[in-house]
Protein backbone atom coordinates (compact mmCIF):
# COMPACT_ATOMS: atom_id res chain seq x y z
CA UNK A 1 -133.93 -42.65 142.44
CA UNK A 2 -134.39 -39.84 139.79
CA UNK A 3 -138.18 -38.70 139.25
CA UNK A 4 -139.29 -38.78 135.49
CA UNK A 5 -140.90 -35.51 136.20
CA UNK A 6 -137.55 -33.51 137.14
CA UNK A 7 -134.90 -33.71 134.38
CA UNK A 8 -131.02 -35.64 135.41
CA UNK A 9 -127.92 -33.43 135.43
CA UNK A 10 -124.81 -35.26 133.62
CA UNK A 11 -120.93 -34.56 135.41
CA UNK A 12 -117.75 -35.49 133.87
CA UNK A 13 -115.15 -35.22 136.67
CA UNK A 14 -110.79 -36.04 136.53
CA UNK A 15 -109.75 -38.95 138.63
CA UNK A 16 -106.65 -39.79 138.69
CA UNK A 17 -107.38 -43.88 139.39
CA UNK A 18 -110.19 -45.21 137.62
CA UNK A 19 -109.73 -48.52 139.84
CA UNK A 20 -110.01 -46.32 142.65
CA UNK A 21 -112.69 -44.47 141.15
CA UNK A 22 -114.59 -47.57 140.68
CA UNK A 23 -113.98 -49.00 144.31
CA UNK A 24 -115.70 -45.44 145.34
CA UNK A 25 -118.61 -44.62 143.58
CA UNK A 26 -119.25 -48.47 142.99
CA UNK A 27 -118.70 -50.32 145.79
CA UNK A 28 -118.77 -47.39 148.71
CA UNK A 29 -121.80 -45.16 147.51
CA UNK A 30 -123.50 -47.70 145.92
CA UNK A 31 -123.79 -46.23 142.26
CA UNK A 32 -124.61 -48.81 139.66
CA UNK A 33 -122.12 -49.00 136.51
CA UNK A 34 -122.97 -47.75 133.42
CA UNK A 35 -120.76 -48.38 130.62
CA UNK A 36 -117.02 -47.56 130.49
CA UNK A 37 -113.38 -47.63 128.30
CA UNK A 38 -109.90 -47.42 129.81
CA UNK A 39 -110.17 -44.70 130.15
CA UNK A 40 -113.68 -43.27 131.45
CA UNK A 41 -116.79 -44.90 133.68
CA UNK A 42 -120.61 -43.90 133.39
CA UNK A 43 -121.91 -43.64 137.25
CA UNK A 44 -126.00 -43.85 138.20
CA UNK A 45 -125.46 -41.21 140.94
CA UNK A 46 -129.31 -41.59 142.48
CA UNK A 47 -130.65 -41.47 138.81
CA UNK A 48 -127.74 -38.71 137.33
CA UNK A 49 -125.46 -39.85 134.93
CA UNK A 50 -121.46 -38.95 136.71
CA UNK A 51 -118.18 -39.75 134.31
CA UNK A 52 -115.35 -40.60 136.10
CA UNK A 53 -112.70 -39.27 132.93
CA UNK A 54 -108.90 -40.14 133.64
CA UNK A 55 -106.61 -37.15 133.87
CA UNK A 56 -102.90 -38.28 135.79
CA UNK A 57 -102.22 -35.06 136.34
CA UNK A 58 -105.90 -34.35 138.16
CA UNK A 59 -104.72 -32.83 141.79
CA UNK A 60 -105.14 -29.61 142.56
CA UNK A 61 -104.69 -27.02 145.91
CA UNK A 62 -107.48 -27.58 147.93
CA UNK A 63 -110.00 -24.24 147.96
CA UNK A 64 -112.63 -23.59 150.72
CA UNK A 65 -115.24 -21.33 151.94
CA UNK A 66 -116.40 -20.69 155.06
CA UNK A 67 -120.58 -21.95 155.92
CA UNK A 68 -121.99 -22.11 159.03
CA UNK A 69 -118.83 -22.48 160.98
CA UNK A 70 -117.43 -24.75 158.42
CA UNK A 71 -114.65 -24.80 155.51
CA UNK A 72 -117.09 -25.88 152.81
CA UNK A 73 -114.55 -27.63 149.65
CA UNK A 74 -115.13 -25.80 146.46
CA UNK A 75 -115.60 -26.94 143.92
CA UNK A 76 -118.35 -29.81 144.63
CA UNK A 77 -121.00 -31.30 144.19
CA UNK A 78 -123.68 -34.32 144.93
CA UNK A 79 -127.27 -34.93 145.88
CA UNK A 80 -129.57 -33.47 147.43
CA UNK A 81 -131.49 -36.30 149.36
CA UNK A 82 -134.25 -37.60 151.76
CA UNK A 83 -133.55 -37.61 155.48
CA UNK A 84 -133.59 -41.85 155.28
CA UNK A 85 -130.88 -42.35 152.05
CA UNK A 86 -128.87 -39.98 153.32
CA UNK A 87 -129.24 -41.45 157.07
CA UNK A 88 -128.11 -45.05 155.30
CA UNK A 89 -125.39 -43.36 153.19
CA UNK A 90 -124.12 -41.83 156.15
CA UNK A 91 -123.87 -44.79 158.04
CA UNK A 92 -122.34 -46.48 154.98
CA UNK A 93 -119.52 -43.97 154.96
CA UNK A 94 -118.36 -44.56 158.61
CA UNK A 95 -118.72 -48.29 157.79
CA UNK A 96 -116.07 -47.71 155.10
CA UNK A 97 -113.96 -45.71 156.69
CA UNK A 98 -114.42 -42.58 153.81
CA UNK A 99 -112.48 -39.84 154.49
CA UNK A 100 -115.08 -36.47 155.26
CA UNK A 101 -114.11 -32.93 154.79
CA UNK A 102 -117.01 -32.24 157.43
CA UNK A 103 -118.73 -35.12 159.46
CA UNK A 104 -122.39 -36.10 158.83
CA UNK A 105 -124.24 -33.01 160.71
CA UNK A 106 -127.16 -30.43 160.45
CA UNK A 107 -126.36 -27.12 159.69
CA UNK A 108 -128.39 -23.44 159.81
CA UNK A 109 -130.65 -25.28 163.32
CA UNK A 110 -133.67 -23.52 163.44
CA UNK A 111 -133.30 -20.94 160.25
CA UNK A 112 -134.20 -21.03 157.01
CA UNK A 113 -132.34 -23.45 155.40
CA UNK A 114 -131.84 -25.98 157.97
CA UNK A 115 -130.29 -28.91 156.81
CA UNK A 116 -128.02 -31.93 157.07
CA UNK A 117 -125.47 -32.31 155.24
CA UNK A 118 -121.86 -34.13 155.14
CA UNK A 119 -118.47 -33.46 152.75
CA UNK A 120 -116.23 -36.67 151.65
CA UNK A 121 -113.69 -36.42 149.43
CA UNK A 122 -113.52 -39.59 146.61
CA UNK A 123 -109.82 -41.34 146.06
CA UNK A 124 -108.85 -38.61 143.62
CA UNK A 125 -109.74 -35.55 146.01
CA UNK A 126 -113.13 -34.73 144.69
CA UNK A 127 -115.04 -34.21 147.17
CA UNK A 128 -118.71 -34.46 147.06
CA UNK A 129 -121.54 -32.80 149.34
CA UNK A 130 -125.02 -34.95 150.12
CA UNK A 131 -127.52 -32.92 151.99
CA UNK A 132 -130.96 -34.25 153.11
CA UNK A 133 -133.96 -31.31 154.47
CA UNK A 134 -136.12 -32.10 156.26
CA UNK A 135 -138.83 -30.36 154.67
CA UNK A 136 -138.50 -29.52 150.69
CA UNK A 137 -140.09 -26.41 150.88
CA UNK A 138 -136.44 -24.77 153.24
CA UNK A 139 -134.58 -26.06 149.38
CA UNK A 140 -134.17 -22.84 148.33
CA UNK A 141 -135.36 -20.59 151.20
CA UNK A 142 -133.89 -17.10 151.83
């Protein structure tokens, strides 16, 4: 989970079905649930607070940008994990038949910023990216 030396972020985002969000974030991703009510749910995403807010009209047309041969969804959010946690999450998402936008892969191979990455959609169509760097010094490499 989050280190005491680093600030944690807070992200609120729309979903069109709280029960489906609870199953995905709590059940599939394994995020512990915090406070909730009938229109929002707090989740602990690797030490960061994310909040799914009910927004029945949430869905919007997807957009993307090309990155290293893949169409990366815009917008998206996610977490940088260590390689072991990233692999465990990739296995858990595959076992849950998650809807991958970009299957687990390594991009920028042999270049600055080489990383393992995967993109998945939650039930409301929100795109999430999970990354891992074998060398943490490469996170902001140019």
